[in-house]
Amino acid sequence: MESMDILSIFEQRLKPSKQPIEAMEEKWNQKAEMFYSNQINGSTYYSDAVPRLLEQKKILDPSVSVLDIGAGSGRYAIPLAKRCKSVRALDLSSEMLQFLELEIEKNNLDNIDIIKSAWPPTTEEIGEFDVAFSAMCPATRSVKALEAMSNVAKKHGVICQFTASSDNVVEALQKHQQIEKVKGPHNNRDLLQSYFNILWELGYQPDISYLHDTFVINMSFNEALHTYQQRYEHVKAEQLGKVLSSIQQEEDSIKVIKKTTLAVITWETNKN
C-alpha cells in the first residue's frame, strides 16, 4: 500500500473538521467562558506535569521559543512561558484569547504574544520556533496540519491527547447498563494511534509518554443530576437519580472521582 493511502486512512480516523472557519470560531467563542472556568477551578495537574515532562526530555528550557497552537485561554501557554524564552499563543477564538490576556496580566508575564489565526495558517506570517506545541486541538487533526507543525518547529513537535477519561458516576451508569462505553475526544485511543502513524509515515520517529491524574469534584445532588443529564440526554432523570443515590456519600453531596490519562507525543522535527 502506498504511503499516501496509509496517510489517508489514518487521517480519516482523526475525523478532521469540515466546518467553515467562521462556524468553528463561533463554536469556540461560545465555549470560551466554560473552558476558562474549568481551567481556573479544575485540576491543574497536567498544566504543571506536561511542562515538567518536556523539561525532563530536554525539549523545554529557558532558551526555547514555543508556538502554542490552539492555546485557548492559556492552560499551557502560561506555564510554558514561565519555563521558556517566549511563547506565541495562536487561537481561532477571539473570546478564548481575551481570557488568555487576563491570565497574562494576572501572572505578570511579558514573554507571550498572541495571534488570532486558524491552523494551518493561510497568509499570516507565523514565524519559526524551537517547539510547536498543541494540546487537545481539533485543528491539528490532518496530515497538512501536522506537516505545518513540523515545518514551523526547528527542534521538536509536541501533541497532548487524552486517551482515557472516566469517573465513578460514569462507571456506575455503565454498571447499571444506562450507557455504553463512552467514546469521545477525551476517551479515544484511535486519535493517539492515528497521530503516531501519520508522523511515522511522514518520516519522523514519534515517542509517547503517559501522564495520569485522579482528582475529586464535590457536587450537590442537583448539580450532579443537571451535569449528567446534559451529558447523557437519553438517560431518564429517575434512573440517573437512582444511580447518583447509590454513590451519594453525605446528605446532598456527591463525590465525583475523576480519572484521566494524557498521552504526550513528542518528535524531533529534523528527520536526519
Protein backbone atom coordinates (compact mmCIF):
# COMPACT_ATOMS: atom_id res chain seq x y z
CA MET A 1 0.00 0.00 0.00
CA GLU A 2 1.36 3.41 -0.95
CA SER A 3 2.27 5.90 1.77
CA MET A 4 -0.39 8.39 0.66
CA ASP A 5 -3.09 5.72 1.01
CA ILE A 6 -1.91 4.94 4.55
CA LEU A 7 -1.89 8.64 5.43
CA SER A 8 -5.46 8.98 4.15
CA ILE A 9 -6.65 6.04 6.24
CA PHE A 10 -5.25 7.46 9.47
CA GLU A 11 -6.36 10.99 8.63
CA GLN A 12 -9.93 9.71 8.29
CA ARG A 13 -9.64 8.17 11.76
CA LEU A 14 -8.65 11.58 13.12
CA LYS A 15 -12.00 12.87 11.80
CA PRO A 16 -10.82 16.35 10.79
CA SER A 17 -13.50 19.04 10.96
CA LYS A 18 -15.16 20.05 7.71
CA GLN A 19 -16.94 23.05 9.18
CA PRO A 20 -16.21 26.53 7.79
CA ILE A 21 -13.72 28.61 9.77
CA GLU A 22 -16.45 31.08 10.75
CA ALA A 23 -18.60 28.30 12.24
CA MET A 24 -15.65 26.91 14.17
CA GLU A 25 -14.80 30.32 15.56
CA GLU A 26 -18.37 30.86 16.74
CA LYS A 27 -18.41 27.42 18.35
CA TRP A 28 -15.27 28.08 20.40
CA ASN A 29 -16.35 31.63 21.25
CA GLN A 30 -19.48 30.16 22.83
CA LYS A 31 -17.43 27.63 24.82
CA ALA A 32 -14.75 30.08 25.96
CA GLU A 33 -16.28 31.07 29.31
CA MET A 34 -16.88 27.44 30.30
CA PHE A 35 -13.34 26.44 29.26
CA TYR A 36 -11.83 29.27 31.26
CA SER A 37 -13.92 28.39 34.32
CA ASN A 38 -12.75 24.75 34.10
CA GLN A 39 -9.16 25.93 33.73
CA ILE A 40 -9.35 28.12 36.82
CA ASN A 41 -11.44 25.84 39.03
CA GLY A 42 -10.46 22.35 37.84
CA SER A 43 -7.38 20.20 38.31
CA THR A 44 -4.08 21.88 37.42
CA TYR A 45 -2.08 18.66 37.44
CA TYR A 46 -1.44 18.44 33.69
CA SER A 47 -0.62 22.12 33.24
CA ASP A 48 2.34 21.54 35.56
CA ALA A 49 3.15 17.91 34.67
CA VAL A 50 3.40 18.44 30.90
CA PRO A 51 5.99 21.25 31.02
CA ARG A 52 7.92 19.30 33.66
CA LEU A 53 7.96 16.25 31.38
CA LEU A 54 9.19 18.38 28.47
CA GLU A 55 11.99 19.71 30.66
CA GLN A 56 13.00 16.15 31.56
CA LYS A 57 13.07 15.28 27.86
CA LYS A 58 15.34 18.29 27.17
CA ILE A 59 12.68 19.79 24.90
CA LEU A 60 11.90 22.78 27.10
CA ASP A 61 14.43 25.13 28.71
CA PRO A 62 14.87 28.90 29.27
CA SER A 63 16.37 29.39 25.79
CA VAL A 64 13.47 27.85 23.85
CA SER A 65 10.74 29.59 21.84
CA VAL A 66 7.34 27.86 21.66
CA LEU A 67 4.34 28.13 19.35
CA ASP A 68 1.21 27.02 21.23
CA ILE A 69 -1.38 26.03 18.62
CA GLY A 70 -4.96 26.24 19.87
CA ALA A 71 -3.74 27.99 23.01
CA GLY A 72 -7.26 28.81 24.17
CA SER A 73 -7.35 30.63 27.49
CA GLY A 74 -3.79 29.66 28.33
CA ARG A 75 -3.95 26.36 30.20
CA TYR A 76 -0.49 25.51 28.84
CA ALA A 77 0.70 28.82 27.39
CA ILE A 78 1.06 30.33 30.87
CA PRO A 79 3.13 27.52 32.49
CA LEU A 80 5.18 27.11 29.29
CA ALA A 81 6.01 30.82 29.30
CA LYS A 82 7.28 30.54 32.89
CA ARG A 83 9.81 27.93 31.77
CA CYS A 84 10.96 29.12 28.33
CA LYS A 85 12.19 32.19 26.48
CA SER A 86 8.95 33.06 24.69
CA VAL A 87 5.54 31.75 23.68
CA ARG A 88 3.42 32.73 20.71
CA ALA A 89 -0.18 31.76 21.53
CA LEU A 90 -2.29 31.04 18.45
CA ASP A 91 -6.04 30.52 18.54
CA LEU A 92 -9.03 31.00 16.25
CA SER A 93 -11.35 32.24 19.01
CA SER A 94 -11.22 35.91 19.99
CA GLU A 95 -13.15 35.12 23.19
CA MET A 96 -10.59 32.49 24.24
CA LEU A 97 -7.76 34.94 23.61
CA GLN A 98 -9.43 37.59 25.77
CA PHE A 99 -9.34 35.17 28.70
CA LEU A 100 -5.71 34.41 27.87
CA GLU A 101 -4.94 38.13 28.07
CA LEU A 102 -6.43 38.15 31.58
CA GLU A 103 -4.13 35.28 32.58
CA ILE A 104 -1.09 37.01 31.09
CA GLU A 105 -1.84 40.12 33.13
CA LYS A 106 -2.63 38.11 36.27
CA ASN A 107 0.71 36.27 36.02
CA ASN A 108 2.64 39.44 35.08
CA LEU A 109 4.23 37.81 32.02
CA ASP A 110 5.88 39.77 29.22
CA ASN A 111 7.09 36.88 27.03
CA ILE A 112 3.76 35.81 25.50
CA ASP A 113 2.40 37.33 22.33
CA ILE A 114 -0.97 36.46 20.81
CA ILE A 115 -2.01 35.79 17.23
CA LYS A 116 -5.61 35.16 16.15
CA SER A 117 -5.44 32.59 13.38
CA ALA A 118 -6.69 29.24 12.19
CA TRP A 119 -4.28 26.33 11.84
CA PRO A 120 -2.68 25.71 9.44
CA PRO A 121 -2.34 29.43 8.77
CA THR A 122 -3.16 30.87 5.36
CA THR A 123 -1.48 34.19 4.60
CA GLU A 124 -0.39 35.06 8.15
CA GLU A 125 3.32 35.09 8.89
CA ILE A 126 3.65 32.81 11.91
CA GLY A 127 7.43 32.73 12.15
CA GLU A 128 9.78 29.93 13.20
CA PHE A 129 10.07 28.39 16.66
CA ASP A 130 12.09 25.80 18.52
CA VAL A 131 8.98 23.89 19.58
CA ALA A 132 5.48 23.58 18.10
CA PHE A 133 3.03 22.56 20.85
CA SER A 134 -0.63 21.58 20.73
CA ALA A 135 -2.96 20.13 23.38
CA MET A 136 -6.36 18.65 22.52
CA CYS A 137 -6.65 20.88 19.47
CA PRO A 138 -9.02 19.71 16.67
CA ALA A 139 -7.13 21.92 14.21
CA THR A 140 -4.15 19.54 14.25
CA ARG A 141 -6.20 16.55 13.08
CA SER A 142 -4.95 16.41 9.49
CA VAL A 143 -1.81 15.50 7.59
CA LYS A 144 -1.49 19.10 6.41
CA ALA A 145 -1.73 20.43 9.98
CA LEU A 146 0.91 18.00 11.28
CA GLU A 147 3.24 18.85 8.39
CA ALA A 148 2.78 22.54 9.17
CA MET A 149 3.62 21.91 12.85
CA SER A 150 6.80 20.07 11.90
CA ASN A 151 7.83 22.71 9.37
CA VAL A 152 7.43 25.63 11.76
CA ALA A 153 9.42 23.91 14.55
CA LYS A 154 13.21 23.86 14.31
CA LYS A 155 13.63 21.21 17.01
CA HIS A 156 10.52 19.45 18.34
CA GLY A 157 6.82 18.92 17.89
CA VAL A 158 4.54 18.11 20.84
CA ILE A 159 0.91 16.97 20.89
CA CYS A 160 -1.07 16.21 24.04
CA GLN A 161 -4.09 13.93 23.62
CA PHE A 162 -6.36 12.39 26.26
CA THR A 163 -6.75 8.64 25.77
CA ALA A 164 -8.91 7.82 28.81
CA SER A 165 -11.35 9.78 30.93
CA SER A 166 -13.90 8.36 33.33
CA ASP A 167 -15.39 8.86 36.78
CA ASN A 168 -17.35 6.91 39.35
CA VAL A 169 -20.69 8.27 38.09
CA VAL A 170 -19.96 7.15 34.53
CA GLU A 171 -18.78 3.77 35.79
CA ALA A 172 -21.97 3.38 37.83
CA LEU A 173 -24.12 4.28 34.81
CA GLN A 174 -22.27 1.65 32.78
CA LYS A 175 -22.67 -0.92 35.55
CA HIS A 176 -26.43 -0.29 35.62
CA GLN A 177 -26.45 -0.52 31.78
CA GLN A 178 -27.71 3.04 31.38
CA ILE A 179 -24.89 3.97 29.00
CA GLU A 180 -22.37 2.10 26.87
CA LYS A 181 -18.64 2.73 26.96
CA VAL A 182 -18.10 6.44 26.42
CA LYS A 183 -16.07 7.39 23.36
CA GLY A 184 -15.09 10.95 22.55
CA PRO A 185 -12.05 13.22 22.15
CA HIS A 186 -11.14 12.69 25.83
CA ASN A 187 -11.61 8.93 25.70
CA ASN A 188 -10.35 7.82 22.31
CA ARG A 189 -7.21 5.76 21.75
CA ASP A 190 -7.73 5.89 17.96
CA LEU A 191 -6.69 9.54 17.86
CA LEU A 192 -3.38 8.78 19.52
CA GLN A 193 -2.68 5.85 17.21
CA SER A 194 -3.52 7.95 14.15
CA TYR A 195 -1.27 10.82 15.21
CA PHE A 196 1.58 8.39 15.80
CA ASN A 197 1.19 6.58 12.48
CA ILE A 198 0.86 9.76 10.41
CA LEU A 199 4.02 11.17 11.95
CA TRP A 200 5.79 7.85 11.36
CA GLU A 201 4.72 7.78 7.71
CA LEU A 202 5.93 11.37 7.31
CA GLY A 203 9.41 10.18 8.28
CA TYR A 204 9.55 11.16 11.96
CA GLN A 205 10.19 8.97 15.00
CA PRO A 206 7.47 9.93 17.49
CA ASP A 207 7.74 8.99 21.15
CA ILE A 208 4.80 8.64 23.56
CA SER A 209 4.75 9.29 27.32
CA TYR A 210 1.72 8.87 29.56
CA LEU A 211 0.57 11.01 32.47
CA HIS A 212 -2.25 10.08 34.86
CA ASP A 213 -4.42 12.19 37.14
CA THR A 214 -7.09 11.39 39.71
CA PHE A 215 -8.99 14.21 41.35
CA VAL A 216 -12.23 14.79 43.25
CA ILE A 217 -15.06 17.16 42.42
CA ASN A 218 -17.73 17.70 45.08
CA MET A 219 -21.21 18.42 43.73
CA SER A 220 -24.61 18.79 45.26
CA PHE A 221 -27.09 16.11 44.23
CA ASN A 222 -28.94 18.59 41.96
CA GLU A 223 -25.71 19.83 40.38
CA ALA A 224 -24.69 16.27 39.55
CA LEU A 225 -28.15 15.47 38.22
CA HIS A 226 -28.08 18.53 35.95
CA THR A 227 -24.49 17.89 34.77
CA TYR A 228 -25.02 14.24 33.82
CA GLN A 229 -28.48 14.86 32.36
CA GLN A 230 -26.88 17.31 29.93
CA ARG A 231 -24.14 14.84 29.08
CA TYR A 232 -26.40 11.80 28.67
CA GLU A 233 -29.75 13.09 27.45
CA HIS A 234 -31.13 9.59 26.71
CA VAL A 235 -30.86 8.53 30.38
CA LYS A 236 -34.10 9.12 32.25
CA ALA A 237 -33.87 11.51 35.21
CA GLU A 238 -35.37 8.86 37.52
CA GLN A 239 -32.74 6.27 36.57
CA LEU A 240 -29.93 8.82 36.85
CA GLY A 241 -31.20 9.85 40.27
CA LYS A 242 -31.09 6.24 41.47
CA VAL A 243 -27.51 5.82 40.25
CA LEU A 244 -26.43 9.05 41.94
CA SER A 245 -28.13 7.98 45.16
CA SER A 246 -26.16 4.72 45.11
CA ILE A 247 -22.84 6.61 45.29
CA GLN A 248 -24.01 9.51 47.48
CA GLN A 249 -21.62 9.91 50.42
CA GLU A 250 -23.39 12.51 52.52
CA GLU A 251 -26.74 14.27 52.50
CA ASP A 252 -26.99 16.29 49.26
CA SER A 253 -23.34 15.64 48.39
CA ILE A 254 -21.90 13.64 45.51
CA LYS A 255 -18.16 12.98 45.41
CA VAL A 256 -17.17 12.62 41.75
CA ILE A 257 -13.83 10.83 41.46
CA LYS A 258 -12.41 11.56 38.02
CA LYS A 259 -9.57 9.56 36.44
CA THR A 260 -7.79 10.62 33.25
CA THR A 261 -4.81 9.60 31.12
CA LEU A 262 -3.00 12.08 28.90
CA ALA A 263 -0.63 10.91 26.17
CA VAL A 264 2.21 13.28 25.24
CA ILE A 265 3.56 12.67 21.74
CA THR A 266 6.96 14.23 21.01
CA TRP A 267 9.10 14.10 17.89
CA GLU A 268 12.27 15.67 16.57
CA THR A 269 11.39 17.75 13.52
CA ASN A 270 14.80 17.16 11.95
CA LYS A 271 14.36 13.83 10.16
CA ASN A 272 18.11 13.21 9.72
